[in-house]
């Protein structure tokens, strides 16, 4: 498992665990970011991380993306 903040652009990953309290988990849940969900990292170039989940694109700050643990999928 690695933090989402360390995933290279273009990679697909599965969310394994979200670290943090209820507030953080609830905020991510409202964005549709759940454990077990597969997402694609569209851009990870030093600023916010742009991800794709289904037809939606989301920007996550580096701090919160460091708390999302993922594994790469094929």
PDB file of N, CA and C in Angstrom:
ATOM      1  N   UNK A   1       0.842  -1.187   0.000  1.00  0.00           N
ATOM      2  CA  UNK A   1       0.000   0.000   0.000  1.00  0.00           C
ATOM      3  C   UNK A   1       0.882   1.243   0.000  1.00  0.00           C
ATOM      4  N   UNK A   2       0.479   2.207  -0.772  1.00  0.00           N
ATOM      5  CA  UNK A   2       1.186   3.485  -0.792  1.00  0.00           C
ATOM      6  C   UNK A   2       0.156   4.613  -0.716  1.00  0.00           C
ATOM      7  N   UNK A   3       0.580   5.795  -0.271  1.00  0.00           N
ATOM      8  CA  UNK A   3      -0.363   6.919  -0.251  1.00  0.00           C
ATOM      9  C   UNK A   3      -0.704   7.360  -1.675  1.00  0.00           C
ATOM     10  N   UNK A   4      -1.910   7.812  -1.861  1.00  0.00           N
ATOM     11  CA  UNK A   4      -2.350   8.302  -3.172  1.00  0.00           C
ATOM     12  C   UNK A   4      -1.439   9.417  -3.670  1.00  0.00           C
ATOM     13  N   UNK A   5      -0.887  10.176  -2.757  1.00  0.00           N
ATOM     14  CA  UNK A   5      -0.017  11.300  -3.135  1.00  0.00           C
ATOM     15  C   UNK A   5       1.264  10.845  -3.832  1.00  0.00           C
ATOM     16  N   UNK A   6       1.598   9.548  -3.772  1.00  0.00           N
ATOM     17  CA  UNK A   6       2.835   9.051  -4.382  1.00  0.00           C
ATOM     18  C   UNK A   6       2.589   8.296  -5.690  1.00  0.00           C
ATOM     19  N   UNK A   7       1.348   8.251  -6.140  1.00  0.00           N
ATOM     20  CA  UNK A   7       1.010   7.517  -7.362  1.00  0.00           C
ATOM     21  C   UNK A   7       1.287   8.395  -8.574  1.00  0.00           C
ATOM     22  N   UNK A   8       1.897   7.808  -9.592  1.00  0.00           N
ATOM     23  CA  UNK A   8       2.213   8.548 -10.813  1.00  0.00           C
ATOM     24  C   UNK A   8       0.956   8.801 -11.631  1.00  0.00           C
ATOM     25  N   UNK A   9       0.992   9.852 -12.412  1.00  0.00           N
ATOM     26  CA  UNK A   9      -0.118  10.186 -13.303  1.00  0.00           C
ATOM     27  C   UNK A   9      -0.386   9.028 -14.259  1.00  0.00           C
ATOM     28  N   UNK A  10      -1.660   8.805 -14.535  1.00  0.00           N
ATOM     29  CA  UNK A  10      -2.066   7.770 -15.488  1.00  0.00           C
ATOM     30  C   UNK A  10      -2.320   6.407 -14.876  1.00  0.00           C
ATOM     31  N   UNK A  11      -1.986   6.219 -13.616  1.00  0.00           N
ATOM     32  CA  UNK A  11      -2.146   4.908 -12.965  1.00  0.00           C
ATOM     33  C   UNK A  11      -3.558   4.736 -12.403  1.00  0.00           C
ATOM     34  N   UNK A  12      -4.049   3.495 -12.458  1.00  0.00           N
ATOM     35  CA  UNK A  12      -5.313   3.143 -11.812  1.00  0.00           C
ATOM     36  C   UNK A  12      -4.998   2.474 -10.493  1.00  0.00           C
ATOM     37  N   UNK A  13      -5.733   2.852  -9.470  1.00  0.00           N
ATOM     38  CA  UNK A  13      -5.488   2.318  -8.137  1.00  0.00           C
ATOM     39  C   UNK A  13      -6.814   2.005  -7.451  1.00  0.00           C
ATOM     40  N   UNK A  14      -6.749   1.110  -6.486  1.00  0.00           N
ATOM     41  CA  UNK A  14      -7.901   0.779  -5.640  1.00  0.00           C
ATOM     42  C   UNK A  14      -7.638   1.364  -4.255  1.00  0.00           C
ATOM     43  N   UNK A  15      -8.640   1.992  -3.704  1.00  0.00           N
ATOM     44  CA  UNK A  15      -8.513   2.573  -2.367  1.00  0.00           C
ATOM     45  C   UNK A  15      -8.628   1.450  -1.346  1.00  0.00           C
ATOM     46  N   UNK A  16      -7.601   1.290  -0.542  1.00  0.00           N
ATOM     47  CA  UNK A  16      -7.556   0.236   0.469  1.00  0.00           C
ATOM     48  C   UNK A  16      -8.009   0.756   1.827  1.00  0.00           C
ATOM     49  N   UNK A  17      -7.501   1.913   2.216  1.00  0.00           N
ATOM     50  CA  UNK A  17      -7.820   2.435   3.547  1.00  0.00           C
ATOM     51  C   UNK A  17      -7.747   3.949   3.531  1.00  0.00           C
ATOM     52  N   UNK A  18      -8.623   4.571   4.281  1.00  0.00           N
ATOM     53  CA  UNK A  18      -8.600   6.020   4.451  1.00  0.00           C
ATOM     54  C   UNK A  18      -8.285   6.293   5.911  1.00  0.00           C
ATOM     55  N   UNK A  19      -7.189   7.000   6.146  1.00  0.00           N
ATOM     56  CA  UNK A  19      -6.767   7.320   7.505  1.00  0.00           C
ATOM     57  C   UNK A  19      -7.398   8.638   7.935  1.00  0.00           C
ATOM     58  N   UNK A  20      -7.793   8.703   9.186  1.00  0.00           N
ATOM     59  CA  UNK A  20      -8.330   9.954   9.690  1.00  0.00           C
ATOM     60  C   UNK A  20      -9.596   9.731  10.490  1.00  0.00           C
ATOM     61  N   UNK A  21     -10.112  10.829  10.972  1.00  0.00           N
ATOM     62  CA  UNK A  21     -11.305  10.785  11.807  1.00  0.00           C
ATOM     63  C   UNK A  21     -12.583  10.765  10.987  1.00  0.00           C
ATOM     64  N   UNK A  22     -13.689  10.793  11.704  1.00  0.00           N
ATOM     65  CA  UNK A  22     -14.996  10.743  11.047  1.00  0.00           C
ATOM     66  C   UNK A  22     -15.205  11.888  10.074  1.00  0.00           C
ATOM     67  N   UNK A  23     -14.727  13.074  10.428  1.00  0.00           N
ATOM     68  CA  UNK A  23     -14.926  14.247   9.576  1.00  0.00           C
ATOM     69  C   UNK A  23     -14.288  14.066   8.212  1.00  0.00           C
ATOM     70  N   UNK A  24     -13.052  13.608   8.210  1.00  0.00           N
ATOM     71  CA  UNK A  24     -12.343  13.404   6.940  1.00  0.00           C
ATOM     72  C   UNK A  24     -13.015  12.304   6.121  1.00  0.00           C
ATOM     73  N   UNK A  25     -13.357  11.211   6.783  1.00  0.00           N
ATOM     74  CA  UNK A  25     -13.977  10.098   6.068  1.00  0.00           C
ATOM     75  C   UNK A  25     -15.342  10.510   5.508  1.00  0.00           C
ATOM     76  N   UNK A  26     -16.101  11.272   6.282  1.00  0.00           N
ATOM     77  CA  UNK A  26     -17.407  11.731   5.822  1.00  0.00           C
ATOM     78  C   UNK A  26     -17.265  12.656   4.614  1.00  0.00           C
ATOM     79  N   UNK A  27     -16.273  13.543   4.656  1.00  0.00           N
ATOM     80  CA  UNK A  27     -16.036  14.465   3.545  1.00  0.00           C
ATOM     81  C   UNK A  27     -15.709  13.694   2.269  1.00  0.00           C
ATOM     82  N   UNK A  28     -14.844  12.688   2.383  1.00  0.00           N
ATOM     83  CA  UNK A  28     -14.483  11.884   1.211  1.00  0.00           C
ATOM     84  C   UNK A  28     -15.658  11.040   0.739  1.00  0.00           C
ATOM     85  N   UNK A  29     -16.446  10.551   1.694  1.00  0.00           N
ATOM     86  CA  UNK A  29     -17.636   9.773   1.352  1.00  0.00           C
ATOM     87  C   UNK A  29     -18.605  10.614   0.529  1.00  0.00           C
ATOM     88  N   UNK A  30     -18.755  11.883   0.885  1.00  0.00           N
ATOM     89  CA  UNK A  30     -19.644  12.778   0.141  1.00  0.00           C
ATOM     90  C   UNK A  30     -19.143  13.013  -1.278  1.00  0.00           C
ATOM     91  N   UNK A  31     -17.838  12.866  -1.485  1.00  0.00           N
ATOM     92  CA  UNK A  31     -17.265  13.002  -2.825  1.00  0.00           C
ATOM     93  C   UNK A  31     -17.300  11.680  -3.587  1.00  0.00           C
ATOM     94  N   UNK A  32     -17.752  10.625  -2.917  1.00  0.00           N
ATOM     95  CA  UNK A  32     -17.823   9.314  -3.559  1.00  0.00           C
ATOM     96  C   UNK A  32     -16.525   8.544  -3.503  1.00  0.00           C
ATOM     97  N   UNK A  33     -15.633   8.960  -2.631  1.00  0.00           N
ATOM     98  CA  UNK A  33     -14.353   8.270  -2.479  1.00  0.00           C
ATOM     99  C   UNK A  33     -14.475   7.300  -1.306  1.00  0.00           C
ATOM    100  N   UNK A  34     -14.535   6.018  -1.647  1.00  0.00           N
ATOM    101  CA  UNK A  34     -14.787   4.974  -0.658  1.00  0.00           C
ATOM    102  C   UNK A  34     -13.698   3.922  -0.715  1.00  0.00           C
ATOM    103  N   UNK A  35     -13.519   3.226   0.376  1.00  0.00           N
ATOM    104  CA  UNK A  35     -12.605   2.082   0.370  1.00  0.00           C
ATOM    105  C   UNK A  35     -13.143   1.035  -0.591  1.00  0.00           C
ATOM    106  N   UNK A  36     -12.264   0.459  -1.391  1.00  0.00           N
ATOM    107  CA  UNK A  36     -12.656  -0.540  -2.382  1.00  0.00           C
ATOM    108  C   UNK A  36     -12.919   0.046  -3.755  1.00  0.00           C
ATOM    109  N   UNK A  37     -13.057   1.365  -3.821  1.00  0.00           N
ATOM    110  CA  UNK A  37     -13.328   2.050  -5.093  1.00  0.00           C
ATOM    111  C   UNK A  37     -12.060   2.111  -5.951  1.00  0.00           C
ATOM    112  N   UNK A  38     -12.220   1.966  -7.263  1.00  0.00           N
ATOM    113  CA  UNK A  38     -11.089   2.107  -8.179  1.00  0.00           C
ATOM    114  C   UNK A  38     -11.136   3.499  -8.799  1.00  0.00           C
ATOM    115  N   UNK A  39      -9.997   4.170  -8.789  1.00  0.00           N
ATOM    116  CA  UNK A  39      -9.889   5.522  -9.339  1.00  0.00           C
ATOM    117  C   UNK A  39      -8.666   5.584 -10.236  1.00  0.00           C
ATOM    118  N   UNK A  40      -8.601   6.612 -11.061  1.00  0.00           N
ATOM    119  CA  UNK A  40      -7.416   6.833 -11.895  1.00  0.00           C
ATOM    120  C   UNK A  40      -6.821   8.188 -11.547  1.00  0.00           C
ATOM    121  N   UNK A  41      -5.512   8.224 -11.418  1.00  0.00           N
ATOM    122  CA  UNK A  41      -4.807   9.483 -11.167  1.00  0.00           C
ATOM    123  C   UNK A  41      -4.530  10.133 -12.516  1.00  0.00           C
ATOM    124  N   UNK A  42      -5.161  11.271 -12.751  1.00  0.00           N
ATOM    125  CA  UNK A  42      -4.983  11.970 -14.027  1.00  0.00           C
ATOM    126  C   UNK A  42      -3.763  12.877 -13.995  1.00  0.00           C
ATOM    127  N   UNK A  43      -3.520  13.507 -12.848  1.00  0.00           N
ATOM    128  CA  UNK A  43      -2.374  14.408 -12.739  1.00  0.00           C
ATOM    129  C   UNK A  43      -1.845  14.411 -11.310  1.00  0.00           C
ATOM    130  N   UNK A  44      -0.554  14.239 -11.186  1.00  0.00           N
ATOM    131  CA  UNK A  44       0.115  14.341  -9.891  1.00  0.00           C
ATOM    132  C   UNK A  44       1.444  15.029 -10.143  1.00  0.00           C
ATOM    133  N   UNK A  45       1.374  16.328 -10.291  1.00  0.00           N
ATOM    134  CA  UNK A  45       2.554  17.094 -10.698  1.00  0.00           C
ATOM    135  C   UNK A  45       2.958  18.127  -9.656  1.00  0.00           C
ATOM    136  N   UNK A  46       2.776  17.819  -8.389  1.00  0.00           N
ATOM    137  CA  UNK A  46       3.260  18.722  -7.344  1.00  0.00           C
ATOM    138  C   UNK A  46       2.179  19.550  -6.676  1.00  0.00           C
ATOM    139  N   UNK A  47       1.088  19.856  -7.348  1.00  0.00           N
ATOM    140  CA  UNK A  47      -0.025  20.606  -6.759  1.00  0.00           C
ATOM    141  C   UNK A  47      -1.102  19.638  -6.325  1.00  0.00           C
ATOM    142  N   UNK A  48      -2.346  20.065  -6.420  1.00  0.00           N
ATOM    143  CA  UNK A  48      -3.433  19.138  -6.119  1.00  0.00           C
ATOM    144  C   UNK A  48      -3.391  17.926  -7.048  1.00  0.00           C
ATOM    145  N   UNK A  49      -3.860  16.813  -6.550  1.00  0.00           N
ATOM    146  CA  UNK A  49      -3.905  15.582  -7.349  1.00  0.00           C
ATOM    147  C   UNK A  49      -5.277  15.513  -8.006  1.00  0.00           C
ATOM    148  N   UNK A  50      -5.266  15.355  -9.316  1.00  0.00           N
ATOM    149  CA  UNK A  50      -6.517  15.254 -10.071  1.00  0.00           C
ATOM    150  C   UNK A  50      -6.800  13.779 -10.301  1.00  0.00           C
ATOM    151  N   UNK A  51      -7.990  13.351  -9.860  1.00  0.00           N
ATOM    152  CA  UNK A  51      -8.364  11.943 -10.042  1.00  0.00           C
ATOM    153  C   UNK A  51      -9.656  11.856 -10.843  1.00  0.00           C
ATOM    154  N   UNK A  52      -9.855  10.687 -11.413  1.00  0.00           N
ATOM    155  CA  UNK A  52     -11.081  10.402 -12.143  1.00  0.00           C
ATOM    156  C   UNK A  52     -11.771   9.242 -11.450  1.00  0.00           C
ATOM    157  N   UNK A  53     -13.056   9.429 -11.160  1.00  0.00           N
ATOM    158  CA  UNK A  53     -13.875   8.357 -10.574  1.00  0.00           C
ATOM    159  C   UNK A  53     -15.142   8.306 -11.407  1.00  0.00           C
ATOM    160  N   UNK A  54     -15.266   7.276 -12.214  1.00  0.00           N
ATOM    161  CA  UNK A  54     -16.396   7.228 -13.145  1.00  0.00           C
ATOM    162  C   UNK A  54     -16.262   8.358 -14.149  1.00  0.00           C
ATOM    163  N   UNK A  55     -17.303   9.146 -14.298  1.00  0.00           N
ATOM    164  CA  UNK A  55     -17.265  10.284 -15.218  1.00  0.00           C
ATOM    165  C   UNK A  55     -16.869  11.578 -14.520  1.00  0.00           C
ATOM    166  N   UNK A  56     -16.610  11.523 -13.236  1.00  0.00           N
ATOM    167  CA  UNK A  56     -16.284  12.720 -12.465  1.00  0.00           C
ATOM    168  C   UNK A  56     -14.773  12.897 -12.322  1.00  0.00           C
ATOM    169  N   UNK A  57     -14.353  14.140 -12.296  1.00  0.00           N
ATOM    170  CA  UNK A  57     -12.965  14.484 -12.021  1.00  0.00           C
ATOM    171  C   UNK A  57     -12.939  15.301 -10.737  1.00  0.00           C
ATOM    172  N   UNK A  58     -12.014  14.948  -9.854  1.00  0.00           N
ATOM    173  CA  UNK A  58     -11.916  15.612  -8.562  1.00  0.00           C
ATOM    174  C   UNK A  58     -10.487  16.046  -8.313  1.00  0.00           C
ATOM    175  N   UNK A  59     -10.321  17.157  -7.626  1.00  0.00           N
ATOM    176  CA  UNK A  59      -9.000  17.619  -7.204  1.00  0.00           C
ATOM    177  C   UNK A  59      -8.892  17.438  -5.697  1.00  0.00           C
ATOM    178  N   UNK A  60      -7.847  16.762  -5.268  1.00  0.00           N
ATOM    179  CA  UNK A  60      -7.604  16.535  -3.841  1.00  0.00           C
ATOM    180  C   UNK A  60      -6.299  17.195  -3.448  1.00  0.00           C
ATOM    181  N   UNK A  61      -6.291  17.840  -2.294  1.00  0.00           N
ATOM    182  CA  UNK A  61      -5.063  18.424  -1.781  1.00  0.00           C
ATOM    183  C   UNK A  61      -4.060  17.330  -1.418  1.00  0.00           C
ATOM    184  N   UNK A  62      -2.804  17.724  -1.355  1.00  0.00           N
ATOM    185  CA  UNK A  62      -1.751  16.742  -1.078  1.00  0.00           C
ATOM    186  C   UNK A  62      -1.899  16.153   0.329  1.00  0.00           C
ATOM    187  N   UNK A  63      -2.329  16.952   1.280  1.00  0.00           N
ATOM    188  CA  UNK A  63      -2.477  16.466   2.654  1.00  0.00           C
ATOM    189  C   UNK A  63      -3.492  15.344   2.759  1.00  0.00           C
ATOM    190  N   UNK A  64      -4.663  15.568   2.196  1.00  0.00           N
ATOM    191  CA  UNK A  64      -5.711  14.537   2.290  1.00  0.00           C
ATOM    192  C   UNK A  64      -5.361  13.339   1.416  1.00  0.00           C
ATOM    193  N   UNK A  65      -4.700  13.579   0.289  1.00  0.00           N
ATOM    194  CA  UNK A  65      -4.343  12.447  -0.578  1.00  0.00           C
ATOM    195  C   UNK A  65      -3.247  11.589   0.053  1.00  0.00           C
ATOM    196  N   UNK A  66      -2.501  12.174   0.989  1.00  0.00           N
ATOM    197  CA  UNK A  66      -1.478  11.389   1.693  1.00  0.00           C
ATOM    198  C   UNK A  66      -2.120  10.431   2.705  1.00  0.00           C
ATOM    199  N   UNK A  67      -3.367  10.700   3.079  1.00  0.00           N
ATOM    200  CA  UNK A  67      -4.084   9.862   4.049  1.00  0.00           C
ATOM    201  C   UNK A  67      -4.910   8.764   3.386  1.00  0.00           C
ATOM    202  N   UNK A  68      -4.893   8.718   2.058  1.00  0.00           N
ATOM    203  CA  UNK A  68      -5.635   7.696   1.323  1.00  0.00           C
ATOM    204  C   UNK A  68      -4.629   6.660   0.843  1.00  0.00           C
ATOM    205  N   UNK A  69      -4.733   5.446   1.370  1.00  0.00           N
ATOM    206  CA  UNK A  69      -3.797   4.376   1.011  1.00  0.00           C
ATOM    207  C   UNK A  69      -4.401   3.540  -0.112  1.00  0.00           C
ATOM    208  N   UNK A  70      -3.580   3.269  -1.119  1.00  0.00           N
ATOM    209  CA  UNK A  70      -4.079   2.600  -2.316  1.00  0.00           C
ATOM    210  C   UNK A  70      -3.130   1.487  -2.745  1.00  0.00           C
ATOM    211  N   UNK A  71      -3.627   0.654  -3.657  1.00  0.00           N
ATOM    212  CA  UNK A  71      -2.774  -0.326  -4.317  1.00  0.00           C
ATOM    213  C   UNK A  71      -3.056  -0.238  -5.807  1.00  0.00           C
ATOM    214  N   UNK A  72      -2.035  -0.477  -6.600  1.00  0.00           N
ATOM    215  CA  UNK A  72      -2.175  -0.370  -8.042  1.00  0.00           C
ATOM    216  C   UNK A  72      -2.974  -1.552  -8.575  1.00  0.00           C
ATOM    217  N   UNK A  73      -3.818  -1.299  -9.566  1.00  0.00           N
ATOM    218  CA  UNK A  73      -4.562  -2.352 -10.245  1.00  0.00           C
ATOM    219  C   UNK A  73      -4.138  -2.362 -11.708  1.00  0.00           C
ATOM    220  N   UNK A  74      -4.348  -3.481 -12.352  1.00  0.00           N
ATOM    221  CA  UNK A  74      -3.945  -3.613 -13.762  1.00  0.00           C
ATOM    222  C   UNK A  74      -4.972  -3.030 -14.690  1.00  0.00           C
TER     223      UNK A  74
END
